[in-house]
PDB file of N, CA and C in Angstrom:
ATOM      1  N   MET A   1     109.299  38.293-180.433  1.00  0.00           N
ATOM      2  CA  MET A   1     108.805  38.291-179.322  1.00  0.00           C
ATOM      3  C   MET A   1     109.724  38.452-178.189  1.00  0.00           C
ATOM      4  N   PRO A   2     109.316  39.144-177.400  1.00  0.00           N
ATOM      5  CA  PRO A   2     110.223  39.224-175.783  1.00  0.00           C
ATOM      6  C   PRO A   2     110.402  37.666-175.008  1.00  0.00           C
ATOM      7  N   LYS A   3     111.508  37.572-174.626  1.00  0.00           N
ATOM      8  CA  LYS A   3     111.782  35.869-173.797  1.00  0.00           C
ATOM      9  C   LYS A   3     111.129  36.399-172.062  1.00  0.00           C
ATOM     10  N   SER A   4     110.648  35.703-171.460  1.00  0.00           N
ATOM     11  CA  SER A   4     109.753  35.801-170.618  1.00  0.00           C
ATOM     12  C   SER A   4     111.218  35.230-169.582  1.00  0.00           C
ATOM     13  N   ARG A   5     111.172  35.829-168.375  1.00  0.00           N
ATOM     14  CA  ARG A   5     111.996  35.573-167.316  1.00  0.00           C
ATOM     15  C   ARG A   5     111.719  34.055-167.034  1.00  0.00           C
ATOM     16  N   GLY A   6     112.566  32.994-166.442  1.00  0.00           N
ATOM     17  CA  GLY A   6     112.309  32.039-165.803  1.00  0.00           C
ATOM     18  C   GLY A   6     111.981  32.422-164.642  1.00  0.00           C
ATOM     19  N   ARG A   7     111.506  31.502-163.402  1.00  0.00           N
ATOM     20  CA  ARG A   7     111.536  31.409-162.302  1.00  0.00           C
ATOM     21  C   ARG A   7     112.873  31.435-161.666  1.00  0.00           C
ATOM     22  N   GLN A   8     112.931  31.960-160.555  1.00  0.00           N
ATOM     23  CA  GLN A   8     114.438  32.040-159.996  1.00  0.00           C
ATOM     24  C   GLN A   8     114.111  31.142-158.912  1.00  0.00           C
ATOM     25  N   LYS A   9     115.226  30.456-158.952  1.00  0.00           N
ATOM     26  CA  LYS A   9     115.426  29.037-157.633  1.00  0.00           C
ATOM     27  C   LYS A   9     115.404  29.321-156.657  1.00  0.00           C
ATOM     28  N   GLN A  10     114.640  28.664-156.052  1.00  0.00           N
ATOM     29  CA  GLN A  10     114.652  29.352-154.387  1.00  0.00           C
ATOM     30  C   GLN A  10     116.001  28.411-153.825  1.00  0.00           C
ATOM     31  N   THR A  11     116.552  29.267-152.776  1.00  0.00           N
ATOM     32  CA  THR A  11     117.865  28.612-152.192  1.00  0.00           C
ATOM     33  C   THR A  11     117.317  28.058-151.180  1.00  0.00           C
ATOM     34  N   ARG A  12     117.526  26.647-150.808  1.00  0.00           N
ATOM     35  CA  ARG A  12     117.418  26.153-149.803  1.00  0.00           C
ATOM     36  C   ARG A  12     118.119  26.206-148.348  1.00  0.00           C
ATOM     37  N   ARG A  13     117.578  26.181-147.368  1.00  0.00           N
ATOM     38  CA  ARG A  13     118.455  26.544-146.214  1.00  0.00           C
ATOM     39  C   ARG A  13     118.547  25.283-145.907  1.00  0.00           C
ATOM     40  N   PRO A  14     120.154  24.890-145.379  1.00  0.00           N
ATOM     41  CA  PRO A  14     120.590  23.468-144.654  1.00  0.00           C
ATOM     42  C   PRO A  14     119.894  23.309-143.524  1.00  0.00           C
ATOM     43  N   TYR A  15     119.669  21.636-143.562  1.00  0.00           N
ATOM     44  CA  TYR A  15     119.009  21.331-142.213  1.00  0.00           C
ATOM     45  C   TYR A  15     119.389  21.471-141.099  1.00  0.00           C
ATOM     46  N   VAL A  16     119.020  22.074-140.100  1.00  0.00           N
ATOM     47  CA  VAL A  16     119.655  22.217-138.595  1.00  0.00           C
ATOM     48  C   VAL A  16     118.531  21.489-137.844  1.00  0.00           C
ATOM     49  N   PRO A  17     119.086  20.406-137.351  1.00  0.00           N
ATOM     50  CA  PRO A  17     118.604  19.078-136.710  1.00  0.00           C
ATOM     51  C   PRO A  17     118.340  20.507-135.426  1.00  0.00           C
ATOM     52  N   PRO A  18     117.154  20.084-134.776  1.00  0.00           N
ATOM     53  CA  PRO A  18     116.743  20.878-133.534  1.00  0.00           C
ATOM     54  C   PRO A  18     117.560  20.231-132.490  1.00  0.00           C
ATOM     55  N   PRO A  19     117.521  21.405-131.147  1.00  0.00           N
ATOM     56  CA  PRO A  19     118.678  20.703-130.035  1.00  0.00           C
ATOM     57  C   PRO A  19     118.225  19.870-129.411  1.00  0.00           C
ATOM     58  N   PRO A  20     118.918  18.675-128.765  1.00  0.00           N
ATOM     59  CA  PRO A  20     118.516  17.938-128.315  1.00  0.00           C
ATOM     60  C   PRO A  20     117.770  17.999-126.945  1.00  0.00           C
ATOM     61  N   LYS A  21     116.821  17.252-126.575  1.00  0.00           N
ATOM     62  CA  LYS A  21     115.937  17.586-125.359  1.00  0.00           C
ATOM     63  C   LYS A  21     116.858  17.379-124.476  1.00  0.00           C
ATOM     64  N   LYS A  22     116.219  18.111-123.075  1.00  0.00           N
ATOM     65  CA  LYS A  22     117.247  17.863-121.840  1.00  0.00           C
ATOM     66  C   LYS A  22     116.506  17.003-121.015  1.00  0.00           C
ATOM     67  N   LYS A  23     117.428  15.658-120.612  1.00  0.00           N
ATOM     68  CA  LYS A  23     116.726  14.574-119.706  1.00  0.00           C
ATOM     69  C   LYS A  23     116.536  15.371-118.146  1.00  0.00           C
ATOM     70  N   ARG A  24     115.238  14.827-118.105  1.00  0.00           N
ATOM     71  CA  ARG A  24     114.839  15.355-116.412  1.00  0.00           C
ATOM     72  C   ARG A  24     115.499  14.347-115.508  1.00  0.00           C
ATOM     73  N   LYS A  25     115.699  15.282-114.181  1.00  0.00           N
ATOM     74  CA  LYS A  25     116.346  14.190-113.474  1.00  0.00           C
ATOM     75  C   LYS A  25     115.043  13.575-112.829  1.00  0.00           C
ATOM     76  N   PRO A  26     115.783  12.129-112.264  1.00  0.00           N
ATOM     77  CA  PRO A  26     114.542  11.215-111.504  1.00  0.00           C
ATOM     78  C   PRO A  26     114.156  11.792-110.176  1.00  0.00           C
ATOM     79  N   SER A  27     113.074  11.380-109.740  1.00  0.00           N
ATOM     80  CA  SER A  27     112.339  11.654-108.673  1.00  0.00           C
ATOM     81  C   SER A  27     113.368  11.352-107.607  1.00  0.00           C
ATOM     82  N   PRO A  28     113.361  11.677-106.308  1.00  0.00           N
ATOM     83  CA  PRO A  28     114.240  11.007-105.324  1.00  0.00           C
ATOM     84  C   PRO A  28     113.652   9.732-104.569  1.00  0.00           C
ATOM     85  N   ARG A  29     113.910   9.194-103.853  1.00  0.00           N
ATOM     86  CA  ARG A  29     113.506   7.855-103.975  1.00  0.00           C
ATOM     87  C   ARG A  29     112.308   7.959-102.993  1.00  0.00           C
ATOM     88  N   TRP A  30     111.919   8.907-101.957  1.00  0.00           N
ATOM     89  CA  TRP A  30     111.242   9.148-100.872  1.00  0.00           C
ATOM     90  C   TRP A  30     109.993   9.666-101.689  1.00  0.00           C
ATOM     91  N   TYR A  31     110.118  10.107-102.851  1.00  0.00           N
ATOM     92  CA  TYR A  31     108.978  10.973-103.595  1.00  0.00           C
ATOM     93  C   TYR A  31     107.865   9.842-103.688  1.00  0.00           C
ATOM     94  N   GLY A  32     108.244   8.435-104.061  1.00  0.00           N
ATOM     95  CA  GLY A  32     107.030   7.743-104.106  1.00  0.00           C
ATOM     96  C   GLY A  32     106.435   7.236-103.358  1.00  0.00           C
ATOM     97  N   TRP A  33     107.265   7.050-101.980  1.00  0.00           N
ATOM     98  CA  TRP A  33     106.363   6.958-100.860  1.00  0.00           C
ATOM     99  C   TRP A  33     105.587   7.991-100.274  1.00  0.00           C
ATOM    100  N   LEU A  34     106.285   9.389-100.558  1.00  0.00           N
ATOM    101  CA  LEU A  34     105.343  10.436-100.150  1.00  0.00           C
ATOM    102  C   LEU A  34     103.892  10.343-100.771  1.00  0.00           C
ATOM    103  N   VAL A  35     103.707   9.987-102.200  1.00  0.00           N
ATOM    104  CA  VAL A  35     102.370   9.948-102.851  1.00  0.00           C
ATOM    105  C   VAL A  35     101.738   8.837-102.056  1.00  0.00           C
ATOM    106  N   LEU A  36     102.151   7.626-101.836  1.00  0.00           N
ATOM    107  CA  LEU A  36     101.510   6.668-101.530  1.00  0.00           C
ATOM    108  C   LEU A  36     101.241   6.593-100.125  1.00  0.00           C
ATOM    109  N   GLY A  37     101.637   7.701 -99.306  1.00  0.00           N
ATOM    110  CA  GLY A  37     101.348   8.100 -97.819  1.00  0.00           C
ATOM    111  C   GLY A  37     100.159   8.987 -97.819  1.00  0.00           C
ATOM    112  N   VAL A  38     100.073   9.524 -98.819  1.00  0.00           N
ATOM    113  CA  VAL A  38      98.853  10.605 -98.690  1.00  0.00           C
ATOM    114  C   VAL A  38      97.835   9.942 -99.624  1.00  0.00           C
ATOM    115  N   PHE A  39      98.257   9.384-100.443  1.00  0.00           N
ATOM    116  CA  PHE A  39      96.879   8.455-100.963  1.00  0.00           C
ATOM    117  C   PHE A  39      96.015   7.780 -99.697  1.00  0.00           C
ATOM    118  N   ALA A  40      97.330   7.238 -98.699  1.00  0.00           N
ATOM    119  CA  ALA A  40      96.678   6.310 -97.923  1.00  0.00           C
ATOM    120  C   ALA A  40      95.934   6.843 -96.869  1.00  0.00           C
ATOM    121  N   GLY A  41      96.361   8.178 -96.304  1.00  0.00           N
ATOM    122  CA  GLY A  41      96.254   9.111 -95.318  1.00  0.00           C
ATOM    123  C   GLY A  41      94.509   9.456 -95.876  1.00  0.00           C
ATOM    124  N   GLY A  42      94.490   9.877 -96.560  1.00  0.00           N
ATOM    125  CA  GLY A  42      92.893  10.261 -97.180  1.00  0.00           C
ATOM    126  C   GLY A  42      92.161   8.860 -97.124  1.00  0.00           C
ATOM    127  N   VAL A  43      92.540   8.148 -97.933  1.00  0.00           N
ATOM    128  CA  VAL A  43      91.605   6.625 -97.796  1.00  0.00           C
ATOM    129  C   VAL A  43      91.073   6.422 -96.286  1.00  0.00           C
ATOM    130  N   ALA A  44      92.140   6.668 -95.262  1.00  0.00           N
ATOM    131  CA  ALA A  44      92.175   6.226 -94.035  1.00  0.00           C
ATOM    132  C   ALA A  44      91.288   6.953 -93.190  1.00  0.00           C
ATOM    133  N   VAL A  45      91.261   8.302 -93.426  1.00  0.00           N
ATOM    134  CA  VAL A  45      90.648   9.285 -92.579  1.00  0.00           C
ATOM    135  C   VAL A  45      89.148   9.019 -93.402  1.00  0.00           C
ATOM    136  N   ILE A  46      88.750   8.875 -94.536  1.00  0.00           N
ATOM    137  CA  ILE A  46      87.333   8.392 -94.775  1.00  0.00           C
ATOM    138  C   ILE A  46      87.014   7.185 -94.253  1.00  0.00           C
ATOM    139  N   VAL A  47      87.470   6.140 -94.251  1.00  0.00           N
ATOM    140  CA  VAL A  47      87.399   4.962 -93.707  1.00  0.00           C
ATOM    141  C   VAL A  47      86.963   5.135 -92.176  1.00  0.00           C
ATOM    142  N   LEU A  48      87.939   5.931 -91.353  1.00  0.00           N
ATOM    143  CA  LEU A  48      87.509   5.640 -90.137  1.00  0.00           C
ATOM    144  C   LEU A  48      86.633   6.785 -89.465  1.00  0.00           C
ATOM    145  N   ASN A  49      86.281   7.718 -90.788  1.00  0.00           N
ATOM    146  CA  ASN A  49      85.014   8.568 -90.452  1.00  0.00           C
ATOM    147  C   ASN A  49      83.938   7.705 -90.459  1.00  0.00           C
ATOM    148  N   TYR A  50      83.659   6.800 -91.349  1.00  0.00           N
ATOM    149  CA  TYR A  50      82.729   5.898 -91.624  1.00  0.00           C
ATOM    150  C   TYR A  50      82.506   5.029 -90.290  1.00  0.00           C
ATOM    151  N   MET A  51      83.773   4.754 -89.947  1.00  0.00           N
ATOM    152  CA  MET A  51      83.218   3.698 -88.483  1.00  0.00           C
ATOM    153  C   MET A  51      83.260   4.503 -87.304  1.00  0.00           C
ATOM    154  N   SER A  52      83.072   6.235 -87.544  1.00  0.00           N
ATOM    155  CA  SER A  52      82.655   7.125 -86.634  1.00  0.00           C
ATOM    156  C   SER A  52      84.101   7.059 -85.421  1.00  0.00           C
ATOM    157  N   LEU A  53      85.468   6.607 -85.958  1.00  0.00           N
ATOM    158  CA  LEU A  53      86.246   7.242 -85.143  1.00  0.00           C
ATOM    159  C   LEU A  53      86.647   8.267 -85.255  1.00  0.00           C
ATOM    160  N   MET A  54      86.581   9.040 -86.076  1.00  0.00           N
ATOM    161  CA  MET A  54      87.291  10.378 -85.775  1.00  0.00           C
ATOM    162  C   MET A  54      86.252  11.194 -84.745  1.00  0.00           C
ATOM    163  N   PRO A  55      86.859  12.381 -84.508  1.00  0.00           N
ATOM    164  CA  PRO A  55      86.866  13.255 -83.360  1.00  0.00           C
ATOM    165  C   PRO A  55      85.809  14.424 -83.803  1.00  0.00           C
ATOM    166  N   GLY A  56      84.893  14.481 -82.825  1.00  0.00           N
ATOM    167  CA  GLY A  56      83.844  16.008 -83.543  1.00  0.00           C
ATOM    168  C   GLY A  56      82.687  15.303 -83.329  1.00  0.00           C
ATOM    169  N   ALA A  57      81.694  16.197 -83.323  1.00  0.00           N
ATOM    170  CA  ALA A  57      80.305  16.052 -83.374  1.00  0.00           C
ATOM    171  C   ALA A  57      79.936  15.786 -84.922  1.00  0.00           C
ATOM    172  N   GLN A  58      78.892  15.725 -84.554  1.00  0.00           N
ATOM    173  CA  GLN A  58      77.832  15.312 -85.784  1.00  0.00           C
ATOM    174  C   GLN A  58      78.236  15.775 -86.900  1.00  0.00           C
ATOM    175  N   GLY A  59      78.181  17.056 -87.025  1.00  0.00           N
ATOM    176  CA  GLY A  59      78.479  18.165 -87.882  1.00  0.00           C
ATOM    177  C   GLY A  59      79.488  18.134 -88.777  1.00  0.00           C
ATOM    178  N   LEU A  60      80.571  17.473 -88.042  1.00  0.00           N
ATOM    179  CA  LEU A  60      82.381  17.233 -88.473  1.00  0.00           C
ATOM    180  C   LEU A  60      82.328  16.413 -89.604  1.00  0.00           C
ATOM    181  N   GLN A  61      81.376  15.648 -89.390  1.00  0.00           N
ATOM    182  CA  GLN A  61      81.383  13.838 -90.289  1.00  0.00           C
ATOM    183  C   GLN A  61      81.534  14.329 -91.750  1.00  0.00           C
ATOM    184  N   GLN A  62      80.958  15.937 -92.142  1.00  0.00           N
ATOM    185  CA  GLN A  62      81.275  16.068 -93.602  1.00  0.00           C
ATOM    186  C   GLN A  62      82.490  16.351 -94.011  1.00  0.00           C
ATOM    187  N   LEU A  63      82.942  17.115 -92.954  1.00  0.00           N
ATOM    188  CA  LEU A  63      84.233  17.966 -93.230  1.00  0.00           C
ATOM    189  C   LEU A  63      85.545  16.806 -93.031  1.00  0.00           C
ATOM    190  N   TRP A  64      85.375  15.763 -92.486  1.00  0.00           N
ATOM    191  CA  TRP A  64      86.315  14.675 -92.396  1.00  0.00           C
ATOM    192  C   TRP A  64      86.163  14.059 -93.826  1.00  0.00           C
ATOM    193  N   LEU A  65      85.072  14.044 -94.313  1.00  0.00           N
ATOM    194  CA  LEU A  65      84.905  13.635 -95.939  1.00  0.00           C
ATOM    195  C   LEU A  65      85.488  14.366 -96.861  1.00  0.00           C
ATOM    196  N   TRP A  66      85.522  15.760 -96.684  1.00  0.00           N
ATOM    197  CA  TRP A  66      86.288  16.713 -97.571  1.00  0.00           C
ATOM    198  C   TRP A  66      87.807  16.401 -97.464  1.00  0.00           C
ATOM    199  N   VAL A  67      88.249  16.388 -96.177  1.00  0.00           N
ATOM    200  CA  VAL A  67      89.420  16.134 -96.001  1.00  0.00           C
ATOM    201  C   VAL A  67      90.045  15.041 -96.468  1.00  0.00           C
ATOM    202  N   GLY A  68      89.779  14.039 -96.122  1.00  0.00           N
ATOM    203  CA  GLY A  68      89.832  12.983 -97.049  1.00  0.00           C
ATOM    204  C   GLY A  68      89.905  12.556 -98.603  1.00  0.00           C
ATOM    205  N   LEU A  69      89.062  13.629 -99.321  1.00  0.00           N
ATOM    206  CA  LEU A  69      88.999  13.693-100.058  1.00  0.00           C
ATOM    207  C   LEU A  69      90.206  14.702-100.549  1.00  0.00           C
ATOM    208  N   ALA A  70      90.586  15.370-100.291  1.00  0.00           N
ATOM    209  CA  ALA A  70      91.353  16.671-100.602  1.00  0.00           C
ATOM    210  C   ALA A  70      92.855  15.797-100.709  1.00  0.00           C
ATOM    211  N   LEU A  71      93.029  15.077 -99.594  1.00  0.00           N
ATOM    212  CA  LEU A  71      94.555  14.248 -99.399  1.00  0.00           C
ATOM    213  C   LEU A  71      94.198  13.582-100.763  1.00  0.00           C
ATOM    214  N   ILE A  72      93.514  12.708-101.010  1.00  0.00           N
ATOM    215  CA  ILE A  72      93.259  11.752-102.116  1.00  0.00           C
ATOM    216  C   ILE A  72      93.557  12.920-103.546  1.00  0.00           C
ATOM    217  N   ALA A  73      92.811  13.653-103.583  1.00  0.00           N
ATOM    218  CA  ALA A  73      93.315  14.630-104.686  1.00  0.00           C
ATOM    219  C   ALA A  73      94.719  15.384-104.587  1.00  0.00           C
ATOM    220  N   GLY A  74      95.297  15.596-103.674  1.00  0.00           N
ATOM    221  CA  GLY A  74      96.767  16.150-103.373  1.00  0.00           C
ATOM    222  C   GLY A  74      97.773  14.773-103.569  1.00  0.00           C
ATOM    223  N   GLY A  75      97.470  13.353-103.584  1.00  0.00           N
ATOM    224  CA  GLY A  75      97.955  12.258-104.150  1.00  0.00           C
ATOM    225  C   GLY A  75      97.813  12.516-105.594  1.00  0.00           C
ATOM    226  N   PHE A  76      96.792  12.727-106.121  1.00  0.00           N
ATOM    227  CA  PHE A  76      96.874  12.628-107.720  1.00  0.00           C
ATOM    228  C   PHE A  76      97.660  13.675-108.061  1.00  0.00           C
ATOM    229  N   GLY A  77      97.600  14.829-107.566  1.00  0.00           N
ATOM    230  CA  GLY A  77      98.719  15.959-108.223  1.00  0.00           C
ATOM    231  C   GLY A  77      99.809  15.778-107.846  1.00  0.00           C
ATOM    232  N   LEU A  78     100.359  15.290-106.473  1.00  0.00           N
ATOM    233  CA  LEU A  78     101.641  14.750-106.617  1.00  0.00           C
ATOM    234  C   LEU A  78     102.180  13.662-107.554  1.00  0.00           C
ATOM    235  N   SER A  79     101.194  12.783-107.829  1.00  0.00           N
ATOM    236  CA  SER A  79     101.779  11.613-108.465  1.00  0.00           C
ATOM    237  C   SER A  79     101.971  12.083-109.911  1.00  0.00           C
ATOM    238  N   THR A  80     101.612  13.407-110.179  1.00  0.00           N
ATOM    239  CA  THR A  80     101.771  13.735-112.184  1.00  0.00           C
ATOM    240  C   THR A  80     103.022  14.166-112.005  1.00  0.00           C
ATOM    241  N   ARG A  81     103.831  14.827-110.929  1.00  0.00           N
ATOM    242  CA  ARG A  81     105.343  15.082-111.052  1.00  0.00           C
ATOM    243  C   ARG A  81     106.080  13.971-110.750  1.00  0.00           C
ATOM    244  N   LEU A  82     105.816  12.698-110.282  1.00  0.00           N
ATOM    245  CA  LEU A  82     106.535  11.915-110.511  1.00  0.00           C
ATOM    246  C   LEU A  82     107.314  11.331-111.748  1.00  0.00           C
ATOM    247  N   ARG A  83     108.671  11.055-111.885  1.00  0.00           N
ATOM    248  CA  ARG A  83     109.145  10.581-113.019  1.00  0.00           C
ATOM    249  C   ARG A  83     109.627   9.254-112.520  1.00  0.00           C
TER     250      ARG A  83
END
């Protein structure tokens, strides 16, 4: 009876660790204040609009609300880049 060939041993590749992750630079000091300023500006626009202190006719009140909401959304967008 013929002899069967055995399985060939698989050659193992040596373990190569992944390259180290690059550390990101921290944000500049003024960046945090910028984020807070944009948030505060958006809130201030909305509050002043409800107090009827924003310039413009009756039709512009809705525009000021959108401006305030856009500033708040911009603050959230900026805060995602804060390190």
